[in-house]
């Protein structure tokens, strides 16, 4: 609800107060502290910035008391307390959107906005391209934050003018979600490439010196031999990389980085026509699971409910993170990671991600996960150069998460609505008067929050590069089996603590569904139906009839 004109007048008087050096110093201090908190929360596997925001909200009373004492010591007005706490939360959310790529890269536990970049990032890590992957993620996030900040003031002035189009956004949202879902499933059928596999399960696979003399010529059902370096492992086999490309081999996977020679029988097939049906089945199954998780009391929730945190944590972790960790238990030491390297960062890919982030931050009900789905529709992961394709995809998806965090702030400063958990917390901290001050055109409060966003983005960029390089050096050559087991146990503890026994059941159900895409040969992106389908049910008015039918 828009604040009354009298409230805007009061806020205008408050915003005319000079931002003296002491005030700016304290604002910078809280922005840096928020960035440090965002670094810490981003490095925790499975931790979402909304959880951090809720913890800060729970501790807001003592925090505001401490801030009031600090303001009195600096000779500042006590009314700055809510604004400074908001600076802390916003800087933390922006920095978190940068740093949360690191668990996705090294451990496979995604934040909500990084669920699609897990497998492309792992491909680069196993190929020794962890350094370029970090550069792509950091630069993509920086592109998203920079473009969004440049658009912040023009967007605020436009939306606060008589030309604002909030009604059109609300009207178009359900049809846009339906279009995204259809395009997502249809994208599984757009690739007409031939699938070439060397079946060596009845042949031989032996480690040897790499000897590559001629280009392999796959002929269906004919004997064949291929040699190269193991660059990726899966449940059924592995990928061999050599000067001619990458080749799928079925059989017991050797260690990552080993040079092997494989003998077997070639299988040459067109991509399965069943893939779109598999994609549709996964979309509907994950969507129904998401709908039940968000709207129905889960079994055993009355025995031990935990802290009653959002079900998105066990749901998304089960669909995208837990299966990757389970599959990685068979993996060998992390290959040596080259530092720097050719990151091939495309500004155009960052702009595509920023556009998807705009939709995620601006449209009601469109989460960062939905934004990553939209970005994936513009990706070219079927390119012959899979490493180059993975880098471009990481740039795009990284831009989604960070730009959506900034655009959500702009939505708060124009529509006075919070699109994320962090911004909803900011709304409660600011109160009606503070929210009116932020939503006033070119107000000092809004500019302060933009400054916090800028500081969070700059510190987040360098944190990804520095912390990522440190992790790459420390983990090179290290077998992550023990670490993955520790992370698996840690996730189980977090889910039990946050969501209780019902959260554990949801995690196990989602994990079973999350193991299917690699078995069926389709992308995990279709599991984002867990977010899209419940929103479609809601916007088209189908949620209540479905719940009534379930109750009957």
Protein backbone atom coordinates (compact mmCIF):
# COMPACT_ATOMS: atom_id res chain seq x y z
CA UNK A 1 0.00 0.00 0.00
CA UNK A 2 1.34 3.40 -0.97
CA UNK A 3 2.10 5.79 1.84
CA UNK A 4 -0.10 8.85 2.16
CA UNK A 5 1.14 12.20 0.83
CA UNK A 6 1.63 13.55 4.36
CA UNK A 7 3.94 10.64 5.12
CA UNK A 8 5.90 11.44 1.97
CA UNK A 9 6.22 15.05 3.16
CA UNK A 10 7.61 13.87 6.51
CA UNK A 11 10.02 11.58 4.75
CA UNK A 12 11.08 14.37 2.42
CA UNK A 13 12.01 16.51 5.42
CA UNK A 14 14.05 13.63 6.87
CA UNK A 15 15.82 12.89 3.59
CA UNK A 16 16.89 16.52 3.25
CA UNK A 17 19.15 16.03 6.24
CA UNK A 18 22.78 16.33 5.25
CA UNK A 19 24.70 13.13 4.83
CA UNK A 20 27.70 14.36 6.81
CA UNK A 21 31.02 12.46 6.80
CA UNK A 22 30.22 10.76 10.12
CA UNK A 23 26.96 9.38 8.76
CA UNK A 24 28.61 8.15 5.56
CA UNK A 25 31.39 6.51 7.59
CA UNK A 26 28.86 4.55 9.63
CA UNK A 27 26.94 3.58 6.46
CA UNK A 28 30.17 2.27 4.90
CA UNK A 29 30.97 0.37 8.10
CA UNK A 30 27.60 -1.40 8.12
CA UNK A 31 27.84 -2.14 4.39
CA UNK A 32 31.24 -3.82 4.92
CA UNK A 33 29.92 -5.76 7.92
CA UNK A 34 26.96 -6.91 5.84
CA UNK A 35 29.28 -8.04 3.06
CA UNK A 36 31.31 -10.06 5.55
CA UNK A 37 28.11 -11.72 6.77
CA UNK A 38 27.16 -12.45 3.17
CA UNK A 39 30.54 -14.06 2.56
CA UNK A 40 30.05 -16.30 5.57
CA UNK A 41 26.50 -17.33 4.66
CA UNK A 42 27.43 -17.85 1.02
CA UNK A 43 30.24 -20.24 1.96
CA UNK A 44 27.94 -22.48 4.05
CA UNK A 45 26.62 -25.33 1.86
CA UNK A 46 22.87 -25.03 1.36
CA UNK A 47 22.64 -21.77 3.33
CA UNK A 48 20.30 -19.18 1.84
CA UNK A 49 20.58 -15.47 2.47
CA UNK A 50 16.90 -15.46 3.51
CA UNK A 51 17.85 -17.62 6.50
CA UNK A 52 20.46 -15.04 7.47
CA UNK A 53 17.88 -12.26 7.05
CA UNK A 54 15.42 -14.09 9.32
CA UNK A 55 18.11 -14.52 11.98
CA UNK A 56 18.89 -10.81 11.78
CA UNK A 57 15.19 -10.00 12.03
CA UNK A 58 14.84 -12.21 15.12
CA UNK A 59 17.76 -10.34 16.69
CA UNK A 60 16.61 -6.93 15.42
CA UNK A 61 15.67 -5.58 18.87
CA UNK A 62 19.15 -5.95 20.44
CA UNK A 63 20.78 -5.01 17.13
CA UNK A 64 18.79 -1.79 16.89
CA UNK A 65 19.70 -1.06 20.51
CA UNK A 66 23.38 -1.48 19.72
CA UNK A 67 23.04 0.64 16.58
CA UNK A 68 21.32 3.38 18.62
CA UNK A 69 24.24 3.38 21.06
CA UNK A 70 26.70 3.58 18.16
CA UNK A 71 24.77 6.47 16.62
CA UNK A 72 24.81 8.36 19.91
CA UNK A 73 28.56 7.85 20.18
CA UNK A 74 29.03 9.27 16.66
CA UNK A 75 26.56 12.09 17.29
CA UNK A 76 24.06 10.78 14.73
CA UNK A 77 20.29 10.71 14.83
CA UNK A 78 18.72 7.65 16.47
CA UNK A 79 16.23 7.40 13.58
CA UNK A 80 19.06 6.06 11.39
CA UNK A 81 18.95 2.68 13.18
CA UNK A 82 16.45 0.91 10.86
CA UNK A 83 18.20 2.29 7.77
CA UNK A 84 21.61 1.06 8.95
CA UNK A 85 20.25 -2.40 9.71
CA UNK A 86 18.70 -2.41 6.22
CA UNK A 87 22.11 -1.50 4.78
CA UNK A 88 23.56 -4.50 6.60
CA UNK A 89 20.92 -6.90 5.22
CA UNK A 90 21.11 -5.63 1.63
CA UNK A 91 24.91 -5.71 1.49
CA UNK A 92 24.80 -9.27 2.87
CA UNK A 93 22.26 -10.40 0.27
CA UNK A 94 24.25 -8.96 -2.64
CA UNK A 95 27.59 -10.41 -1.49
CA UNK A 96 25.91 -13.75 -0.80
CA UNK A 97 24.65 -13.81 -4.41
CA UNK A 98 28.30 -13.72 -5.53
CA UNK A 99 29.88 -16.11 -3.03
CA UNK A 100 27.22 -18.84 -3.13
CA UNK A 101 28.78 -20.05 -6.38
CA UNK A 102 31.70 -21.56 -4.45
CA UNK A 103 29.71 -24.37 -2.75
CA UNK A 104 28.05 -25.02 -6.12
CA UNK A 105 31.44 -25.41 -7.77
CA UNK A 106 33.39 -27.41 -5.20
CA UNK A 107 30.67 -29.36 -3.40
CA UNK A 108 27.56 -29.39 -5.56
CA UNK A 109 25.23 -27.82 -2.98
CA UNK A 110 23.37 -25.04 -4.83
CA UNK A 111 21.83 -21.85 -3.63
CA UNK A 112 18.38 -21.24 -5.12
CA UNK A 113 19.74 -19.00 -7.89
CA UNK A 114 22.59 -21.38 -8.84
CA UNK A 115 20.72 -24.65 -9.31
CA UNK A 116 21.37 -24.77 -13.05
CA UNK A 117 25.07 -23.96 -12.96
CA UNK A 118 26.05 -26.96 -10.81
CA UNK A 119 26.75 -29.46 -13.60
CA UNK A 120 28.46 -27.01 -16.03
CA UNK A 121 30.66 -25.81 -13.18
CA UNK A 122 31.55 -29.39 -12.24
CA UNK A 123 32.52 -30.15 -15.82
CA UNK A 124 35.02 -27.31 -15.73
CA UNK A 125 36.31 -28.29 -12.29
CA UNK A 126 36.95 -31.89 -13.36
CA UNK A 127 38.70 -30.63 -16.49
CA UNK A 128 41.07 -28.50 -14.39
CA UNK A 129 39.25 -25.31 -15.41
CA UNK A 130 38.22 -24.20 -11.92
CA UNK A 131 40.04 -20.87 -12.30
CA UNK A 132 38.18 -19.83 -15.47
CA UNK A 133 34.90 -20.99 -13.90
CA UNK A 134 35.51 -18.64 -10.95
CA UNK A 135 36.29 -15.73 -13.28
CA UNK A 136 33.13 -16.39 -15.28
CA UNK A 137 30.96 -16.53 -12.15
CA UNK A 138 32.48 -13.41 -10.57
CA UNK A 139 32.34 -11.40 -13.81
CA UNK A 140 28.80 -12.53 -14.64
CA UNK A 141 27.61 -11.45 -11.21
CA UNK A 142 29.42 -8.13 -11.55
CA UNK A 143 27.84 -7.49 -14.96
CA UNK A 144 24.40 -8.19 -13.51
CA UNK A 145 24.95 -5.91 -10.51
CA UNK A 146 26.46 -3.08 -12.58
CA UNK A 147 23.72 -3.01 -15.23
CA UNK A 148 21.00 -3.20 -12.57
CA UNK A 149 22.57 -0.32 -10.60
CA UNK A 150 22.80 1.82 -13.75
CA UNK A 151 19.09 1.24 -14.35
CA UNK A 152 18.06 1.78 -10.72
CA UNK A 153 17.36 5.51 -10.73
CA UNK A 154 15.73 5.65 -14.23
CA UNK A 155 13.48 2.72 -13.29
CA UNK A 156 12.47 4.33 -10.02
CA UNK A 157 11.59 7.61 -11.71
CA UNK A 158 9.63 5.81 -14.43
CA UNK A 159 7.67 3.55 -12.08
CA UNK A 160 6.84 6.42 -9.72
CA UNK A 161 5.55 8.51 -12.63
CA UNK A 162 2.06 8.36 -14.10
CA UNK A 163 3.38 5.95 -16.75
CA UNK A 164 4.09 3.14 -14.29
CA UNK A 165 2.89 -0.23 -15.58
CA UNK A 166 2.37 -2.28 -12.42
CA UNK A 167 -1.05 -3.42 -13.63
CA UNK A 168 0.42 -4.80 -16.86
CA UNK A 169 3.07 -6.72 -14.91
CA UNK A 170 0.44 -8.36 -12.72
CA UNK A 171 -1.70 -9.24 -15.73
CA UNK A 172 1.10 -10.76 -17.84
CA UNK A 173 2.78 -12.78 -15.11
CA UNK A 174 0.72 -16.04 -15.26
CA UNK A 175 0.88 -16.25 -19.05
CA UNK A 176 4.58 -15.56 -18.99
CA UNK A 177 5.11 -18.42 -16.53
CA UNK A 178 3.11 -20.77 -18.75
CA UNK A 179 5.13 -19.73 -21.81
CA UNK A 180 8.42 -20.33 -19.98
CA UNK A 181 7.28 -23.81 -18.95
CA UNK A 182 6.29 -24.78 -22.49
CA UNK A 183 9.54 -23.45 -23.96
CA UNK A 184 11.53 -25.27 -21.30
CA UNK A 185 10.06 -28.67 -22.13
CA UNK A 186 10.20 -27.99 -25.88
CA UNK A 187 13.90 -27.14 -25.62
CA UNK A 188 14.66 -30.82 -24.91
CA UNK A 189 13.60 -31.67 -28.48
CA UNK A 190 15.52 -28.93 -30.27
CA UNK A 191 18.80 -30.86 -30.43
CA UNK A 192 19.05 -33.22 -33.41
CA UNK A 193 22.63 -34.29 -32.74
CA UNK A 194 23.79 -37.86 -33.10
CA UNK A 195 24.60 -39.63 -29.85
CA UNK A 196 27.87 -41.55 -30.17
CA UNK A 197 28.88 -43.97 -27.40
CA UNK A 198 31.63 -46.59 -27.16
CA UNK A 199 30.22 -49.50 -25.16
CA UNK A 200 33.24 -51.00 -23.38
CA UNK A 201 31.36 -52.91 -20.69
CA UNK A 202 32.26 -56.19 -22.44
CA UNK A 203 35.51 -54.83 -23.84
CA UNK A 204 38.53 -53.44 -22.03
CA UNK A 205 39.50 -50.23 -20.27
CA UNK A 206 43.13 -49.84 -19.29
CA UNK A 207 45.26 -46.96 -18.09
CA UNK A 208 48.10 -46.23 -20.52
CA UNK A 209 50.13 -43.48 -22.09
CA UNK A 210 47.97 -41.23 -24.24
CA UNK A 211 48.46 -42.32 -27.85
CA UNK A 212 46.28 -40.58 -30.42
CA UNK A 213 47.06 -41.24 -34.05
CA UNK A 214 43.86 -41.03 -36.11
CA UNK A 215 40.38 -39.59 -35.78
CA UNK A 216 37.94 -42.25 -34.52
CA UNK A 217 35.24 -43.12 -37.06
CA UNK A 218 32.19 -44.40 -35.17
CA UNK A 219 30.10 -46.91 -37.10
CA UNK A 220 27.09 -48.44 -35.39
CA UNK A 221 27.73 -51.94 -34.00
CA UNK A 222 31.35 -52.02 -35.22
CA UNK A 223 34.42 -52.54 -32.98
CA UNK A 224 36.28 -49.40 -31.96
CA UNK A 225 39.12 -48.05 -29.88
CA UNK A 226 39.51 -44.63 -28.32
CA UNK A 227 42.21 -43.15 -26.11
CA UNK A 228 42.38 -39.95 -24.11
CA UNK A 229 42.15 -38.40 -20.65
CA UNK A 230 39.19 -38.99 -18.31
CA UNK A 231 37.55 -35.60 -17.88
CA UNK A 232 34.16 -36.52 -16.40
CA UNK A 233 32.54 -39.47 -14.64
CA UNK A 234 28.93 -40.58 -14.31
CA UNK A 235 26.99 -43.55 -12.99
CA UNK A 236 27.35 -45.53 -16.22
CA UNK A 237 30.69 -44.46 -17.63
CA UNK A 238 32.89 -41.50 -18.33
CA UNK A 239 34.00 -38.94 -20.90
CA UNK A 240 37.35 -39.22 -22.65
CA UNK A 241 38.88 -36.03 -23.95
CA UNK A 242 41.47 -35.88 -26.72
CA UNK A 243 42.48 -33.64 -29.61
CA UNK A 244 39.37 -34.63 -31.57
CA UNK A 245 36.80 -33.81 -28.90
CA UNK A 246 35.03 -35.69 -26.12
CA UNK A 247 33.76 -39.25 -26.32
CA UNK A 248 31.28 -41.06 -24.12
CA UNK A 249 32.47 -44.48 -22.92
CA UNK A 250 30.31 -47.00 -21.06
CA UNK A 251 32.07 -49.05 -18.42
CA UNK A 252 33.73 -48.86 -15.04
CA UNK A 253 35.02 -45.27 -14.77
CA UNK A 254 38.73 -44.81 -14.01
CA UNK A 255 39.98 -41.93 -11.91
CA UNK A 256 39.59 -38.37 -13.17
CA UNK A 257 42.65 -37.27 -15.13
CA UNK A 258 43.82 -40.78 -16.02
CA UNK A 259 45.03 -41.52 -19.54
CA UNK A 260 43.21 -44.63 -20.77
CA UNK A 261 42.65 -46.75 -23.87
CA UNK A 262 39.15 -48.22 -24.25
CA UNK A 263 38.10 -51.02 -26.61
CA UNK A 264 34.45 -51.75 -27.27
CA UNK A 265 31.53 -51.55 -29.69
CA UNK A 266 30.28 -48.28 -31.15
CA UNK A 267 26.66 -47.27 -30.69
CA UNK A 268 25.49 -44.48 -32.99
CA UNK A 269 21.95 -43.23 -32.44
CA UNK A 270 19.93 -40.12 -32.95
CA UNK A 271 18.92 -38.43 -29.70
CA UNK A 272 16.00 -40.29 -28.17
CA UNK A 273 12.56 -39.06 -29.22
CA UNK A 274 11.40 -39.93 -25.72
CA UNK A 275 13.47 -37.15 -24.17
CA UNK A 276 10.68 -34.52 -24.39
CA UNK A 277 8.31 -37.00 -22.72
CA UNK A 278 10.87 -37.64 -19.98
CA UNK A 279 11.28 -33.88 -19.57
CA UNK A 280 7.51 -33.41 -19.28
CA UNK A 281 7.26 -36.23 -16.73
CA UNK A 282 10.07 -34.74 -14.61
CA UNK A 283 8.52 -31.26 -14.85
CA UNK A 284 5.11 -32.51 -13.71
CA UNK A 285 6.49 -34.79 -10.98
CA UNK A 286 8.74 -32.11 -9.50
CA UNK A 287 5.95 -29.55 -9.85
CA UNK A 288 3.51 -31.73 -7.97
CA UNK A 289 6.10 -32.38 -5.27
CA UNK A 290 6.70 -28.62 -4.95
CA UNK A 291 2.96 -27.93 -4.81
CA UNK A 292 2.42 -30.45 -2.02
CA UNK A 293 5.47 -29.24 -0.10
CA UNK A 294 4.30 -25.61 -0.18
CA UNK A 295 0.59 -26.13 0.45
CA UNK A 296 -0.01 -29.36 2.36
CA UNK A 297 1.00 -30.34 5.87
CA UNK A 298 3.72 -32.93 5.34
CA UNK A 299 3.65 -36.28 7.16
CA UNK A 300 5.18 -36.43 10.66
CA UNK A 301 5.36 -32.63 10.87
CA UNK A 302 3.42 -32.75 14.15
CA UNK A 303 6.06 -34.97 15.81
CA UNK A 304 9.04 -32.65 15.39
CA UNK A 305 8.50 -29.58 13.16
CA UNK A 306 11.94 -28.03 13.67
CA UNK A 307 12.23 -24.27 13.28
CA UNK A 308 9.52 -24.27 10.58
CA UNK A 309 11.82 -22.68 8.00
CA UNK A 310 10.97 -22.52 4.28
CA UNK A 311 10.47 -25.89 2.60
CA UNK A 312 12.51 -24.59 -0.35
CA UNK A 313 15.69 -25.58 1.48
CA UNK A 314 15.04 -29.36 1.59
CA UNK A 315 13.15 -29.26 -1.70
CA UNK A 316 15.83 -27.58 -3.82
CA UNK A 317 18.71 -29.25 -2.01
CA UNK A 318 17.10 -32.62 -2.65
CA UNK A 319 16.42 -31.95 -6.32
CA UNK A 320 19.75 -30.37 -7.25
CA UNK A 321 22.36 -30.70 -4.50
CA UNK A 322 21.99 -34.00 -2.67
CA UNK A 323 22.05 -36.18 -5.83
CA UNK A 324 25.28 -34.52 -7.00
CA UNK A 325 26.90 -35.24 -3.64
CA UNK A 326 25.73 -38.85 -3.68
CA UNK A 327 27.09 -39.38 -7.18
CA UNK A 328 30.37 -37.72 -6.22
CA UNK A 329 31.05 -40.28 -3.47
CA UNK A 330 32.67 -42.46 -6.14
CA UNK A 331 34.88 -39.66 -7.41
CA UNK A 332 38.65 -39.45 -7.11
CA UNK A 333 40.85 -36.49 -6.14
CA UNK A 334 40.10 -33.08 -7.61
CA UNK A 335 42.39 -32.48 -10.61
CA UNK A 336 44.97 -29.70 -10.49
CA UNK A 337 43.21 -26.41 -11.21
CA UNK A 338 44.83 -23.89 -13.48
CA UNK A 339 44.80 -20.35 -12.15
CA UNK A 340 43.34 -17.69 -14.38
CA UNK A 341 43.14 -19.07 -17.90
CA UNK A 342 40.86 -18.11 -20.74
CA UNK A 343 37.53 -17.28 -19.15
CA UNK A 344 35.95 -16.14 -22.46
CA UNK A 345 33.52 -13.85 -20.66
CA UNK A 346 30.86 -12.52 -22.99
CA UNK A 347 29.13 -9.29 -22.01
CA UNK A 348 26.14 -10.40 -24.08
CA UNK A 349 25.72 -13.51 -21.94
CA UNK A 350 25.80 -11.32 -18.85
CA UNK A 351 23.10 -9.08 -20.36
CA UNK A 352 20.87 -12.10 -21.06
CA UNK A 353 21.22 -13.14 -17.44
CA UNK A 354 20.53 -9.58 -16.29
CA UNK A 355 17.29 -9.52 -18.28
CA UNK A 356 16.22 -12.78 -16.64
CA UNK A 357 17.25 -11.29 -13.28
CA UNK A 358 15.06 -8.26 -14.02
CA UNK A 359 12.08 -10.56 -14.47
CA UNK A 360 12.97 -12.47 -11.30
CA UNK A 361 13.36 -9.30 -9.24
CA UNK A 362 10.42 -7.39 -10.68
CA UNK A 363 7.61 -9.77 -11.50
CA UNK A 364 5.52 -11.06 -8.58
CA UNK A 365 6.11 -14.72 -7.80
CA UNK A 366 9.12 -15.06 -10.14
CA UNK A 367 11.98 -16.40 -8.02
CA UNK A 368 15.67 -16.60 -8.82
CA UNK A 369 15.11 -20.24 -9.75
CA UNK A 370 12.56 -19.19 -12.36
CA UNK A 371 15.02 -16.60 -13.62
CA UNK A 372 17.66 -19.29 -14.11
CA UNK A 373 15.11 -21.30 -16.12
CA UNK A 374 14.53 -18.30 -18.35
CA UNK A 375 18.28 -17.79 -18.77
CA UNK A 376 18.74 -21.46 -19.66
CA UNK A 377 16.39 -21.05 -22.61
CA UNK A 378 18.90 -18.63 -24.16
CA UNK A 379 21.93 -20.85 -23.51
CA UNK A 380 23.76 -22.97 -26.05
CA UNK A 381 24.84 -25.88 -23.95
CA UNK A 382 24.69 -28.16 -26.97
CA UNK A 383 27.70 -26.50 -28.58
CA UNK A 384 30.52 -28.76 -29.73
CA UNK A 385 32.92 -27.00 -27.37
CA UNK A 386 31.39 -28.05 -24.06
CA UNK A 387 33.90 -26.13 -21.94
CA UNK A 388 33.21 -22.90 -23.80
CA UNK A 389 29.48 -23.52 -23.55
CA UNK A 390 29.77 -24.16 -19.79
CA UNK A 391 31.67 -20.90 -19.27
CA UNK A 392 29.07 -18.88 -21.13
CA UNK A 393 26.29 -20.57 -19.19
CA UNK A 394 27.94 -19.79 -15.84
CA UNK A 395 28.29 -16.10 -16.81
CA UNK A 396 24.61 -15.99 -17.66
CA UNK A 397 23.28 -17.77 -14.58
CA UNK A 398 25.57 -15.82 -12.23
CA UNK A 399 24.19 -12.57 -13.62
CA UNK A 400 20.66 -13.77 -12.84
CA UNK A 401 21.13 -14.17 -9.09
CA UNK A 402 22.92 -10.88 -8.49
CA UNK A 403 20.82 -8.69 -10.78
CA UNK A 404 17.60 -10.09 -9.29
CA UNK A 405 18.83 -9.05 -5.82
CA UNK A 406 19.35 -5.47 -7.09
CA UNK A 407 16.11 -5.30 -9.09
CA UNK A 408 14.23 -6.54 -6.02
CA UNK A 409 15.53 -3.48 -4.18
CA UNK A 410 14.28 -1.25 -7.00
CA UNK A 411 10.86 -2.92 -6.77
CA UNK A 412 10.87 -2.14 -3.05
CA UNK A 413 11.68 1.51 -3.79
CA UNK A 414 8.88 1.86 -6.35
CA UNK A 415 6.10 -0.63 -5.63
CA UNK A 416 6.83 -0.82 -1.89
CA UNK A 417 6.77 -4.62 -2.16
CA UNK A 418 9.42 -7.14 -1.21
CA UNK A 419 10.14 -9.81 -3.81
CA UNK A 420 12.64 -11.76 -1.71
CA UNK A 421 12.91 -12.89 1.89
CA UNK A 422 15.73 -10.42 2.49
CA UNK A 423 13.69 -7.50 1.16
CA UNK A 424 10.62 -8.55 3.15
CA UNK A 425 12.85 -8.41 6.22
CA UNK A 426 14.00 -4.92 5.21
CA UNK A 427 10.35 -3.84 4.93
CA UNK A 428 9.67 -4.97 8.49
CA UNK A 429 12.82 -3.27 9.77
CA UNK A 430 12.10 0.06 8.04
CA UNK A 431 8.43 0.26 8.95
CA UNK A 432 5.87 2.39 7.11
CA UNK A 433 7.70 5.69 7.54
CA UNK A 434 11.08 4.34 6.52
CA UNK A 435 9.58 2.53 3.53
CA UNK A 436 7.94 5.75 2.42
CA UNK A 437 11.31 7.52 2.61
CA UNK A 438 12.96 4.87 0.43
CA UNK A 439 10.11 5.03 -2.10
CA UNK A 440 10.39 8.80 -2.47
CA UNK A 441 11.97 9.85 -5.82
CA UNK A 442 15.75 10.23 -5.56
CA UNK A 443 15.57 10.05 -1.77
CA UNK A 444 18.76 9.97 0.28
CA UNK A 445 17.62 6.71 1.87
CA UNK A 446 17.29 4.98 -1.51
CA UNK A 447 20.72 6.25 -2.58
CA UNK A 448 22.21 4.90 0.66
CA UNK A 449 20.76 1.46 -0.07
CA UNK A 450 22.15 1.63 -3.61
CA UNK A 451 25.55 2.46 -2.12
CA UNK A 452 25.28 -0.62 0.11
CA UNK A 453 24.46 -2.66 -3.00
CA UNK A 454 27.53 -1.31 -4.79
CA UNK A 455 29.83 -2.10 -1.87
CA UNK A 456 28.35 -5.59 -1.56
CA UNK A 457 28.92 -6.20 -5.28
CA UNK A 458 32.55 -5.00 -5.29
CA UNK A 459 33.48 -6.98 -2.18
CA UNK A 460 31.59 -10.02 -3.45
CA UNK A 461 33.50 -9.92 -6.75
CA UNK A 462 36.90 -9.97 -5.08
CA UNK A 463 35.73 -12.51 -2.49
CA UNK A 464 34.81 -15.02 -5.21
CA UNK A 465 38.17 -14.65 -6.92
CA UNK A 466 40.28 -14.74 -3.73
CA UNK A 467 38.36 -17.37 -1.78
CA UNK A 468 37.84 -19.44 -4.90
CA UNK A 469 41.53 -19.40 -5.78
CA UNK A 470 42.38 -20.41 -2.21
CA UNK A 471 39.95 -23.32 -2.29
CA UNK A 472 41.21 -24.43 -5.71
CA UNK A 473 44.79 -24.55 -4.40
CA UNK A 474 43.85 -26.33 -1.17
CA UNK A 475 41.57 -28.89 -2.81
CA UNK A 476 43.72 -29.74 -5.85
CA UNK A 477 44.72 -33.38 -5.56
CA UNK A 478 42.52 -33.89 -2.50
CA UNK A 479 40.01 -36.73 -2.38
CA UNK A 480 36.73 -35.07 -1.40
CA UNK A 481 35.07 -38.29 -0.21
CA UNK A 482 35.41 -37.42 3.47
CA UNK A 483 34.45 -33.78 2.89
CA UNK A 484 31.40 -34.81 0.85
CA UNK A 485 30.34 -37.20 3.62
CA UNK A 486 30.72 -34.39 6.16
CA UNK A 487 28.66 -32.05 3.98
CA UNK A 488 25.98 -34.70 3.51
CA UNK A 489 25.76 -35.12 7.29
CA UNK A 490 25.74 -31.33 7.75
CA UNK A 491 22.84 -30.94 5.30
CA UNK A 492 20.88 -33.67 7.10
CA UNK A 493 21.42 -31.86 10.40
CA UNK A 494 20.37 -28.51 8.94
CA UNK A 495 17.24 -29.95 7.36
CA UNK A 496 16.29 -31.69 10.61
CA UNK A 497 16.92 -28.51 12.59
CA UNK A 498 15.14 -26.14 10.18
CA UNK A 499 12.31 -28.38 8.89
CA UNK A 500 12.04 -31.34 11.27
CA UNK A 501 11.21 -34.92 10.33
CA UNK A 502 8.88 -33.85 7.52
CA UNK A 503 11.76 -31.90 6.00
CA UNK A 504 13.86 -35.08 6.00
CA UNK A 505 11.08 -36.94 4.18
CA UNK A 506 10.86 -34.14 1.64
CA UNK A 507 14.64 -34.16 1.18
CA UNK A 508 14.68 -37.92 0.54
CA UNK A 509 11.75 -37.73 -1.91
CA UNK A 510 13.29 -34.84 -3.80
CA UNK A 511 16.68 -36.60 -3.92
CA UNK A 512 15.13 -39.72 -5.43
CA UNK A 513 13.57 -37.53 -8.13
CA UNK A 514 16.85 -35.63 -8.58
CA UNK A 515 18.70 -38.86 -9.44
CA UNK A 516 16.47 -39.51 -12.48
CA UNK A 517 17.71 -36.89 -15.01
CA UNK A 518 21.19 -38.41 -15.49
CA UNK A 519 19.60 -41.87 -15.73
CA UNK A 520 17.12 -40.72 -18.37
CA UNK A 521 19.61 -38.57 -20.26
CA UNK A 522 17.76 -35.25 -19.86
CA UNK A 523 18.68 -32.00 -18.17
CA UNK A 524 18.08 -31.30 -14.49
CA UNK A 525 16.62 -27.96 -15.52
CA UNK A 526 13.20 -29.62 -15.90
CA UNK A 527 13.12 -30.18 -12.16
CA UNK A 528 12.50 -26.45 -11.80
CA UNK A 529 8.90 -27.39 -12.39
CA UNK A 530 8.96 -27.59 -8.59
CA UNK A 531 8.78 -23.79 -8.61
CA UNK A 532 6.99 -23.06 -11.87
CA UNK A 533 4.00 -25.40 -11.61
CA UNK A 534 2.85 -24.23 -8.13
CA UNK A 535 3.00 -20.63 -9.36
CA UNK A 536 0.94 -21.52 -12.45
CA UNK A 537 -1.66 -23.21 -10.23
CA UNK A 538 -1.79 -20.10 -8.03
CA UNK A 539 -2.10 -17.47 -10.76
CA UNK A 540 -4.75 -19.34 -12.75
CA UNK A 541 -6.82 -19.98 -9.63
CA UNK A 542 -6.30 -23.75 -9.59
CA UNK A 543 -4.58 -24.00 -6.20
CA UNK A 544 -7.66 -23.86 -3.96
CA UNK A 545 -9.71 -26.39 -6.02
CA UNK A 546 -6.76 -28.78 -5.99
CA UNK A 547 -6.32 -28.41 -2.24
CA UNK A 548 -10.05 -28.92 -1.76
CA UNK A 549 -9.90 -32.08 -3.86
CA UNK A 550 -6.96 -33.35 -1.81
CA UNK A 551 -8.78 -32.59 1.40
CA UNK A 552 -11.83 -34.47 0.18
